[in-house]
Protein backbone atom coordinates (compact mmCIF):
# COMPACT_ATOMS: atom_id res chain seq x y z
CA MET A 1 -0.13 -0.05 0.27
CA ARG A 2 1.15 3.59 -1.04
CA LEU A 3 1.96 5.63 2.22
CA ILE A 4 0.52 8.89 2.75
CA ARG A 5 3.22 10.63 1.61
CA ARG A 6 2.55 9.40 -1.85
CA ALA A 7 -0.92 10.97 -1.67
CA ILE A 8 0.45 14.37 -1.76
CA LEU A 9 0.86 14.65 -5.13
CA ARG A 10 -2.81 13.39 -5.83
CA LEU A 11 -4.11 15.59 -3.63
CA ALA A 12 -2.77 18.57 -4.77
CA ALA A 13 -3.42 17.72 -8.70
CA ASP A 14 -6.62 16.65 -8.38
CA ARG A 15 -9.28 18.86 -9.85
CA ARG A 16 -11.78 18.51 -7.04
CA TRP A 17 -9.46 20.71 -5.16
CA ARG A 18 -10.13 23.93 -4.41
CA LEU A 19 -8.36 26.82 -3.63
CA VAL A 20 -8.93 29.48 -0.69
CA GLY A 21 -7.15 32.79 -0.72
CA LEU A 22 -6.87 35.43 1.64
CA SER A 23 -9.50 38.67 1.29
CA THR A 24 -7.92 40.99 -1.22
CA PRO A 25 -7.54 39.81 -5.07
CA LYS A 26 -3.63 40.25 -4.52
CA CYS A 27 -3.65 38.07 -1.68
CA ILE A 28 -5.67 35.47 -3.20
CA ILE A 29 -2.81 35.68 -6.49
CA ALA A 30 0.01 35.54 -4.20
CA ALA A 31 -1.87 32.62 -2.09
CA ALA A 32 -2.26 30.88 -5.76
CA SER A 33 1.21 31.50 -6.76
CA LEU A 34 2.39 29.80 -3.74
CA ALA A 35 0.27 27.14 -3.87
CA ALA A 36 1.15 26.11 -7.75
CA ALA A 37 4.99 26.21 -6.46
CA THR A 38 4.22 23.98 -3.84
CA ILE A 39 2.58 21.74 -6.56
CA THR A 40 5.18 21.85 -8.47
CA THR A 41 7.55 20.56 -6.07
CA ALA A 42 5.53 17.52 -5.31
CA PRO A 43 6.07 15.35 -7.77
CA ASN A 44 9.41 15.06 -6.24
CA ILE A 45 8.06 15.04 -2.89
CA ALA A 46 5.13 12.07 -3.39
CA TYR A 47 6.70 9.94 -6.28
CA ALA A 48 9.83 10.10 -4.69
CA ASP A 49 8.55 8.52 -1.37
CA GLU A 50 8.46 4.61 -1.02
CA GLY A 51 8.81 4.56 3.21
CA GLY A 52 6.86 2.71 5.01
CA ILE A 53 6.17 0.09 1.80
CA SER A 54 8.46 -2.95 2.83
CA PHE A 55 9.27 -5.95 1.14
CA TRP A 56 9.09 -7.75 4.12
CA LEU A 57 5.56 -8.43 5.56
CA PRO A 58 5.44 -8.67 8.91
CA GLY A 59 4.06 -11.56 10.65
CA LEU A 60 5.61 -13.68 7.53
CA PHE A 61 6.83 -16.61 9.89
CA GLY A 62 5.14 -17.75 13.16
CA SER A 63 5.15 -20.52 15.49
CA LEU A 64 7.24 -23.69 14.35
CA ALA A 65 9.27 -21.77 11.45
CA ALA A 66 12.76 -23.87 11.78
CA ALA A 67 11.16 -27.09 12.95
CA PRO A 68 12.07 -30.00 10.24
CA GLN A 69 9.85 -30.49 7.40
CA VAL A 70 8.94 -34.00 6.06
CA PRO A 71 10.79 -34.63 2.41
CA GLY A 72 8.63 -33.68 -0.73
CA TRP A 73 6.10 -31.67 -2.14
CA ALA A 74 4.06 -29.45 -0.12
CA VAL A 75 1.70 -26.13 -0.53
CA GLY A 76 0.44 -23.34 1.80
CA ILE A 77 -2.46 -21.37 0.74
CA VAL A 78 -2.96 -18.29 2.80
CA TYR A 79 -5.48 -15.87 2.79
CA TYR A 80 -4.61 -12.18 4.49
CA HIS A 81 -6.33 -9.15 5.55
CA THR A 82 -5.29 -5.68 6.39
CA SER A 83 -6.70 -2.24 7.50
CA VAL A 84 -4.52 0.37 8.11
CA SER A 85 -4.49 3.86 8.50
CA ALA A 86 -2.61 7.06 9.32
CA GLU A 87 -2.29 10.45 10.33
CA GLY A 88 -1.49 13.56 8.04
CA ASP A 89 1.22 14.82 10.19
CA VAL A 90 3.51 11.53 8.96
CA ALA A 91 3.71 13.47 5.74
CA ALA A 92 4.15 16.92 6.91
CA ALA A 93 6.77 18.31 4.76
CA ARG A 94 7.89 21.37 7.12
CA GLU A 95 9.99 23.99 5.03
CA VAL A 96 10.12 24.67 0.75
CA ILE A 97 12.25 27.33 -0.76
CA ILE A 98 10.36 28.89 -3.61
CA GLY A 99 12.27 31.06 -6.71
CA ARG A 100 14.23 34.00 -6.43
CA LEU A 101 13.00 35.41 -3.89
CA SER A 102 13.40 32.29 -1.53
CA PRO A 103 10.58 32.67 1.04
CA THR A 104 9.82 29.48 3.13
CA ILE A 105 6.64 27.89 2.62
CA ASN A 106 5.15 25.62 5.89
CA VAL A 107 3.42 22.79 4.38
CA ASN A 108 0.64 21.32 6.88
CA LEU A 109 -1.19 18.34 6.50
CA ASN A 110 -4.29 17.48 8.28
CA LEU A 111 -5.28 14.15 6.16
CA ASP A 112 -6.73 10.86 6.93
CA LEU A 113 -5.74 7.86 4.89
CA LYS A 114 -7.53 4.56 5.25
CA ALA A 115 -6.57 1.37 3.10
CA THR A 116 -7.48 -2.33 3.12
CA ALA A 117 -6.50 -5.22 0.75
CA ASP A 118 -7.41 -8.57 0.86
CA LEU A 119 -5.20 -11.26 -0.58
CA VAL A 120 -4.26 -14.86 -1.32
CA VAL A 121 -0.99 -16.28 -1.41
CA VAL A 122 -0.16 -19.44 -3.17
CA ASP A 123 3.27 -20.91 -1.86
CA PRO A 124 4.08 -24.30 -3.14
CA GLY A 125 7.49 -25.85 -1.95
CA TYR A 126 10.00 -28.67 -2.07
CA THR A 127 11.76 -30.06 0.77
CA PHE A 128 14.90 -32.53 -0.18
CA ALA A 129 15.57 -35.70 1.33
CA THR A 130 19.59 -35.67 0.82
CA GLN A 131 20.98 -33.06 3.20
CA VAL A 132 22.90 -30.08 2.38
CA PHE A 133 25.86 -29.09 4.77
CA GLY A 134 24.20 -31.75 7.18
CA GLY A 135 20.62 -29.45 6.99
CA GLN A 136 18.02 -29.79 5.51
CA PHE A 137 17.28 -28.12 2.13
CA ASN A 138 13.80 -26.45 1.02
CA ILE A 139 12.88 -24.09 -2.20
CA ASN A 140 9.78 -22.71 -2.37
CA VAL A 141 8.33 -19.72 -4.69
CA ALA A 142 5.18 -17.69 -3.43
CA GLY A 143 3.00 -15.93 -5.34
CA PHE A 144 -0.32 -13.76 -4.66
CA PHE A 145 -3.21 -12.14 -6.18
CA GLY A 146 -6.07 -9.79 -4.59
CA ARG A 147 -7.63 -6.40 -4.03
CA GLU A 148 -6.34 -3.30 -2.80
CA THR A 149 -8.21 0.03 -1.75
CA GLY A 150 -7.55 3.37 -0.48
CA GLN A 151 -9.34 6.62 0.20
CA ILE A 152 -7.60 9.93 1.55
CA ASN A 153 -9.51 12.56 2.83
CA GLY A 154 -8.51 16.37 4.40
CA THR A 155 -6.56 19.49 4.02
CA LEU A 156 -3.39 21.23 2.71
CA THR A 157 -2.19 24.58 4.01
CA ALA A 158 0.94 26.11 2.44
CA THR A 159 1.87 29.37 4.10
CA SER A 160 4.44 31.95 3.29
CA GLY A 161 4.67 35.49 5.41
CA PRO A 162 0.61 36.85 5.46
CA PHE A 163 -0.25 34.27 2.59
CA VAL A 164 -2.10 31.23 2.50
CA ALA A 165 -3.18 29.00 0.29
CA THR A 166 -5.42 25.80 1.30
CA SER A 167 -6.82 22.73 -0.39
CA GLN A 168 -9.33 20.31 0.68
CA GLY A 169 -10.75 17.35 -0.73
CA SER A 170 -10.92 13.46 -1.19
CA ILE A 171 -9.56 10.89 -3.54
CA SER A 172 -9.70 7.06 -3.82
CA ASP A 173 -8.04 4.05 -5.75
CA SER A 174 -8.65 0.52 -5.77
CA LEU A 175 -6.69 -2.15 -7.54
CA THR A 176 -7.51 -6.06 -8.71
CA SER A 177 -4.44 -7.75 -9.86
CA VAL A 178 -1.46 -10.05 -9.13
CA GLY A 179 1.66 -8.81 -7.08
CA ASP A 180 5.27 -10.49 -7.44
CA LEU A 181 6.88 -13.59 -7.10
CA ILE A 182 8.90 -14.33 -3.95
CA PRO A 183 11.56 -17.25 -4.35
CA GLN A 184 12.91 -18.52 -1.19
CA MET A 185 15.51 -21.00 0.10
CA SER A 186 15.80 -22.45 3.53
CA LEU A 187 18.35 -24.73 5.63
CA ARG A 188 17.35 -26.54 9.20
CA TRP A 189 18.96 -28.42 11.59
CA ASN A 190 17.49 -30.49 14.43
CA SER A 191 19.13 -31.58 17.77
CA GLY A 192 16.54 -32.84 19.98
CA VAL A 193 14.12 -29.75 21.32
CA ASN A 194 16.42 -27.47 19.63
CA ASN A 195 15.57 -26.24 15.88
CA TRP A 196 17.94 -23.72 13.76
CA MET A 197 16.88 -22.13 10.27
CA VAL A 198 18.71 -19.82 8.00
CA TYR A 199 16.97 -18.47 4.97
CA GLY A 200 17.28 -16.32 1.93
CA MET A 201 14.58 -14.95 -0.53
CA GLY A 202 13.77 -12.32 -2.98
CA ASP A 203 11.35 -10.02 -4.87
CA VAL A 204 10.77 -10.50 -8.32
CA PRO A 205 9.09 -7.45 -9.49
CA VAL A 206 6.22 -8.95 -12.17
CA GLY A 207 3.34 -7.64 -10.31
CA ASN A 208 0.87 -4.94 -11.03
CA TYR A 209 2.69 -1.41 -10.28
CA ASN A 210 2.45 2.05 -11.14
CA SER A 211 3.95 4.86 -9.51
CA ALA A 212 1.04 7.24 -10.22
CA ASN A 213 -1.50 4.75 -8.44
CA LEU A 214 -2.26 5.09 -4.52
CA ALA A 215 -2.85 1.21 -4.75
CA ASN A 216 -0.24 -1.09 -5.79
CA LEU A 217 -0.03 -4.87 -5.57
CA GLY A 218 3.84 -4.91 -7.09
CA LEU A 219 6.63 -3.52 -5.63
CA GLY A 220 7.84 -1.55 -8.23
CA HIS A 221 11.72 -2.84 -7.43
CA GLY A 222 13.52 -6.24 -6.35
CA ALA A 223 14.54 -6.78 -2.78
CA ALA A 224 16.71 -9.52 -0.86
CA ASP A 225 15.89 -10.94 2.46
CA VAL A 226 18.29 -13.44 4.27
CA GLY A 227 17.89 -14.17 8.07
CA ALA A 228 17.89 -16.81 10.76
CA GLY A 229 15.52 -18.63 12.87
CA TYR A 230 15.35 -21.03 15.82
CA THR A 231 12.63 -22.96 17.66
CA TYR A 232 12.29 -24.84 20.44
CA PHE A 233 9.71 -27.37 20.85
CA ASP A 234 8.95 -30.06 23.51
CA GLN A 235 6.52 -32.79 21.64
CA LYS A 236 6.13 -34.48 25.08
CA ALA A 237 5.01 -31.26 27.05
CA GLY A 238 3.32 -29.40 23.78
CA HIS A 239 5.62 -26.19 24.59
CA GLU A 240 6.88 -24.36 21.57
CA PHE A 241 8.74 -21.16 21.24
CA SER A 242 9.95 -19.74 17.79
CA ILE A 243 11.84 -16.45 16.82
CA VAL A 244 12.94 -15.34 13.20
CA THR A 245 15.09 -12.35 12.50
CA GLY A 246 16.09 -11.01 9.42
CA PHE A 247 17.50 -8.06 7.09
CA THR A 248 15.97 -6.68 3.65
CA TYR A 249 18.08 -4.75 1.07
CA ASN A 250 16.05 -3.24 -1.24
CA LEU A 251 17.05 -1.98 -4.87
CA LEU A 252 16.61 0.99 -6.76
CA ASN A 253 13.03 1.74 -7.84
CA SER A 254 14.12 3.27 -11.39
CA SER A 255 10.44 4.41 -11.89
CA ILE A 256 10.88 7.04 -9.10
CA GLY A 257 14.77 7.49 -8.84
CA TYR A 258 14.26 5.97 -5.08
CA GLN A 259 15.69 3.40 -2.81
CA ASN A 260 14.78 2.43 0.38
CA GLY A 261 16.76 1.92 3.32
CA VAL A 262 17.80 -1.32 4.79
CA ASP A 263 15.18 -2.88 7.10
CA TRP A 264 15.50 -5.10 10.07
CA HIS A 265 12.77 -7.34 11.17
CA VAL A 266 11.95 -9.92 14.08
CA ASP A 267 8.85 -12.36 14.16
CA TRP A 268 7.92 -14.62 16.84
CA GLY A 269 5.64 -16.86 18.14
CA ALA A 270 4.71 -18.84 21.51
CA SER A 271 2.15 -21.61 21.64
CA GLN A 272 0.85 -24.58 23.45
CA PHE A 273 -0.26 -28.01 21.79
CA VAL A 274 -3.13 -28.70 24.54
CA THR A 275 -3.80 -31.88 22.49
CA LYS A 276 -1.48 -33.59 19.96
CA GLN A 277 -3.60 -32.03 17.16
CA LEU A 278 -4.55 -28.45 19.10
CA GLN A 279 -2.59 -25.80 19.56
CA LEU A 280 -3.23 -22.37 20.94
CA GLY A 281 -0.61 -19.56 21.49
CA VAL A 282 0.16 -15.76 20.80
CA VAL A 283 2.59 -14.30 17.61
CA GLY A 284 4.09 -10.88 17.28
CA TYR A 285 6.71 -8.86 15.48
CA PHE A 286 8.81 -5.70 15.18
CA PHE A 287 9.78 -4.09 12.34
CA GLN A 288 12.62 -1.14 11.76
CA GLN A 289 14.22 0.71 8.76
CA ILE A 290 17.58 1.12 10.02
CA THR A 291 19.37 3.31 7.05
CA PRO A 292 17.69 6.41 5.70
CA ASP A 293 16.14 6.34 2.06
CA ILE A 294 18.00 7.61 -1.08
CA GLY A 295 16.32 10.12 -3.21
CA ALA A 296 13.67 11.91 -1.06
CA SER A 297 13.72 15.33 -0.87
CA ALA A 298 15.84 16.64 2.25
CA PHE A 299 13.12 18.05 4.38
CA LEU A 300 11.52 14.54 4.59
CA GLY A 301 14.62 13.41 6.77
CA ALA A 302 15.42 9.97 7.16
CA ASN A 303 11.90 8.62 6.43
CA GLU A 304 12.82 5.43 8.27
CA SER A 305 9.67 3.16 9.15
CA ARG A 306 8.70 1.67 12.17
CA VAL A 307 5.88 -0.98 13.49
CA ALA A 308 5.08 -3.48 15.82
CA GLY A 309 2.33 -6.24 16.37
CA ILE A 310 1.31 -8.55 18.79
CA GLY A 311 -2.27 -10.94 18.58
CA PRO A 312 -3.18 -14.96 18.92
CA GLN A 313 -3.34 -17.45 17.31
CA ILE A 314 -4.78 -21.27 16.98
CA GLY A 315 -3.70 -24.08 14.71
CA TYR A 316 -5.44 -27.66 14.17
CA LEU A 317 -3.54 -30.67 12.55
CA PHE A 318 -5.58 -33.31 10.49
CA PRO A 319 -5.30 -35.79 8.14
CA VAL A 320 -5.96 -35.85 4.22
CA GLY A 321 -5.94 -39.07 2.82
CA ASN A 322 -1.99 -39.65 2.76
CA LEU A 323 -1.30 -36.13 3.89
CA GLN A 324 -1.18 -34.08 6.63
CA GLY A 325 -3.74 -30.85 6.96
CA TYR A 326 -2.96 -27.69 8.97
CA ILE A 327 -5.13 -24.96 9.45
CA ASN A 328 -3.78 -21.85 11.12
CA LEU A 329 -5.70 -18.48 12.31
CA LYS A 330 -3.74 -15.64 13.49
CA GLY A 331 -4.12 -11.99 13.92
CA TYR A 332 -2.07 -8.75 14.87
CA TRP A 333 -2.98 -5.55 16.75
CA GLU A 334 0.00 -3.11 15.29
CA PHE A 335 1.27 -0.31 17.53
CA ALA A 336 4.36 2.11 17.95
CA ALA A 337 4.04 2.77 14.12
CA GLU A 338 5.99 5.44 12.59
CA ASN A 339 6.21 6.39 9.05
CA ARG A 340 3.99 3.70 8.02
CA ALA A 341 0.41 3.22 8.17
CA SER A 342 -0.57 0.89 10.79
CA GLY A 343 -4.00 -1.07 12.11
CA TRP A 344 -4.24 -4.55 11.94
CA ASN A 345 -3.98 -7.91 10.27
CA THR A 346 -5.16 -11.61 10.15
CA TRP A 347 -3.79 -14.59 8.18
CA LEU A 348 -5.89 -17.78 7.29
CA THR A 349 -3.47 -20.33 6.51
CA LEU A 350 -4.09 -24.08 4.87
CA SER A 351 -1.12 -26.47 4.45
CA LEU A 352 -0.77 -29.89 3.07
CA SER A 353 2.51 -31.60 3.39
CA PRO A 354 3.30 -35.41 2.86
CA SER A 355 2.73 -37.33 6.40
CA ALA A 356 5.28 -37.83 8.80
CA ALA A 357 6.31 -41.08 10.32
CA ALA A 358 6.68 -39.57 13.71
CA SER A 359 4.34 -37.56 15.27
CA ALA A 360 2.46 -35.04 13.31
CA PRO A 361 3.65 -31.81 15.22
CA LYS A 362 7.09 -32.12 14.40
CA ALA A 363 6.65 -31.92 10.42
CA MET A 364 4.77 -28.50 10.40
CA LEU A 365 6.23 -25.53 9.76
CA THR A 366 3.36 -22.52 9.76
CA LYS A 367 4.21 -18.87 8.48
């Protein structure tokens, strides 16, 4: 979803917005000139801003993330819903220098962004029986499709000395299409109740993306993410705890000349198997951009985004012929957000994998 800063240009350029000046014709003309100058600089502000739109989707990994898998083909199908919002001060551009007069324009945004997305992710993969570096090697490629909508309502006010220009209005955007492809490789090692994992994944930017749109399912640029995870799982007692951390490096978005900074993320889950099939627990995540964006106007600052989330989960294992089925429902409430829209999201996962000879939970991997 396009963060609220991307909306500045759309708000300023939309014909439904009206200009309100001061009391005299000269003041009205001056205010209009200031607004026009602000709008002229807006493409570099709005189009250049990808802040808060990360390749990494917080919550991707969950409980038993590093647990061993059963060799063979498997597939996961995920329904993902999110509803987020952001205030205008996230995007406020404080000062702009215009023309030869070089007056300082203070730009204040009173905007309200609301956006929702409903996505279906299909994630087939294969786990090799032959060990690699003493671990279990897995590859998979995820793709997704769905619908995204966004709406912005609010006011933009530009001032310079005694002159004021104000624009008010509303815009909306929606898109139903396909997103990018996400290949992933992982290695897992197991020793009793302890399980370790390393992984690498990337973004192949083939999804629907347009830098002028408020709603996009494609990222618009490539990305690479590497990380490691740990799972403690005592099958006898049913205790489980998992944590996965990683870093994302974003490639340049050539269509807007903008490059996101490096992101750091942590996903975790804790659960109790109250029976051999039924799992109850809690999940959470923390996301922090650790280096500044490149390509934004100077007054946007480092534009580093952050968000955290926490919520409940429930899972259930069941047989499907010769396969093992697993269904999981988890939800997150987000907080501590900076330079990023936030709200809540839910994940409904159905996975099918080869049956395990040992107890069923050992072979399960959730995302």
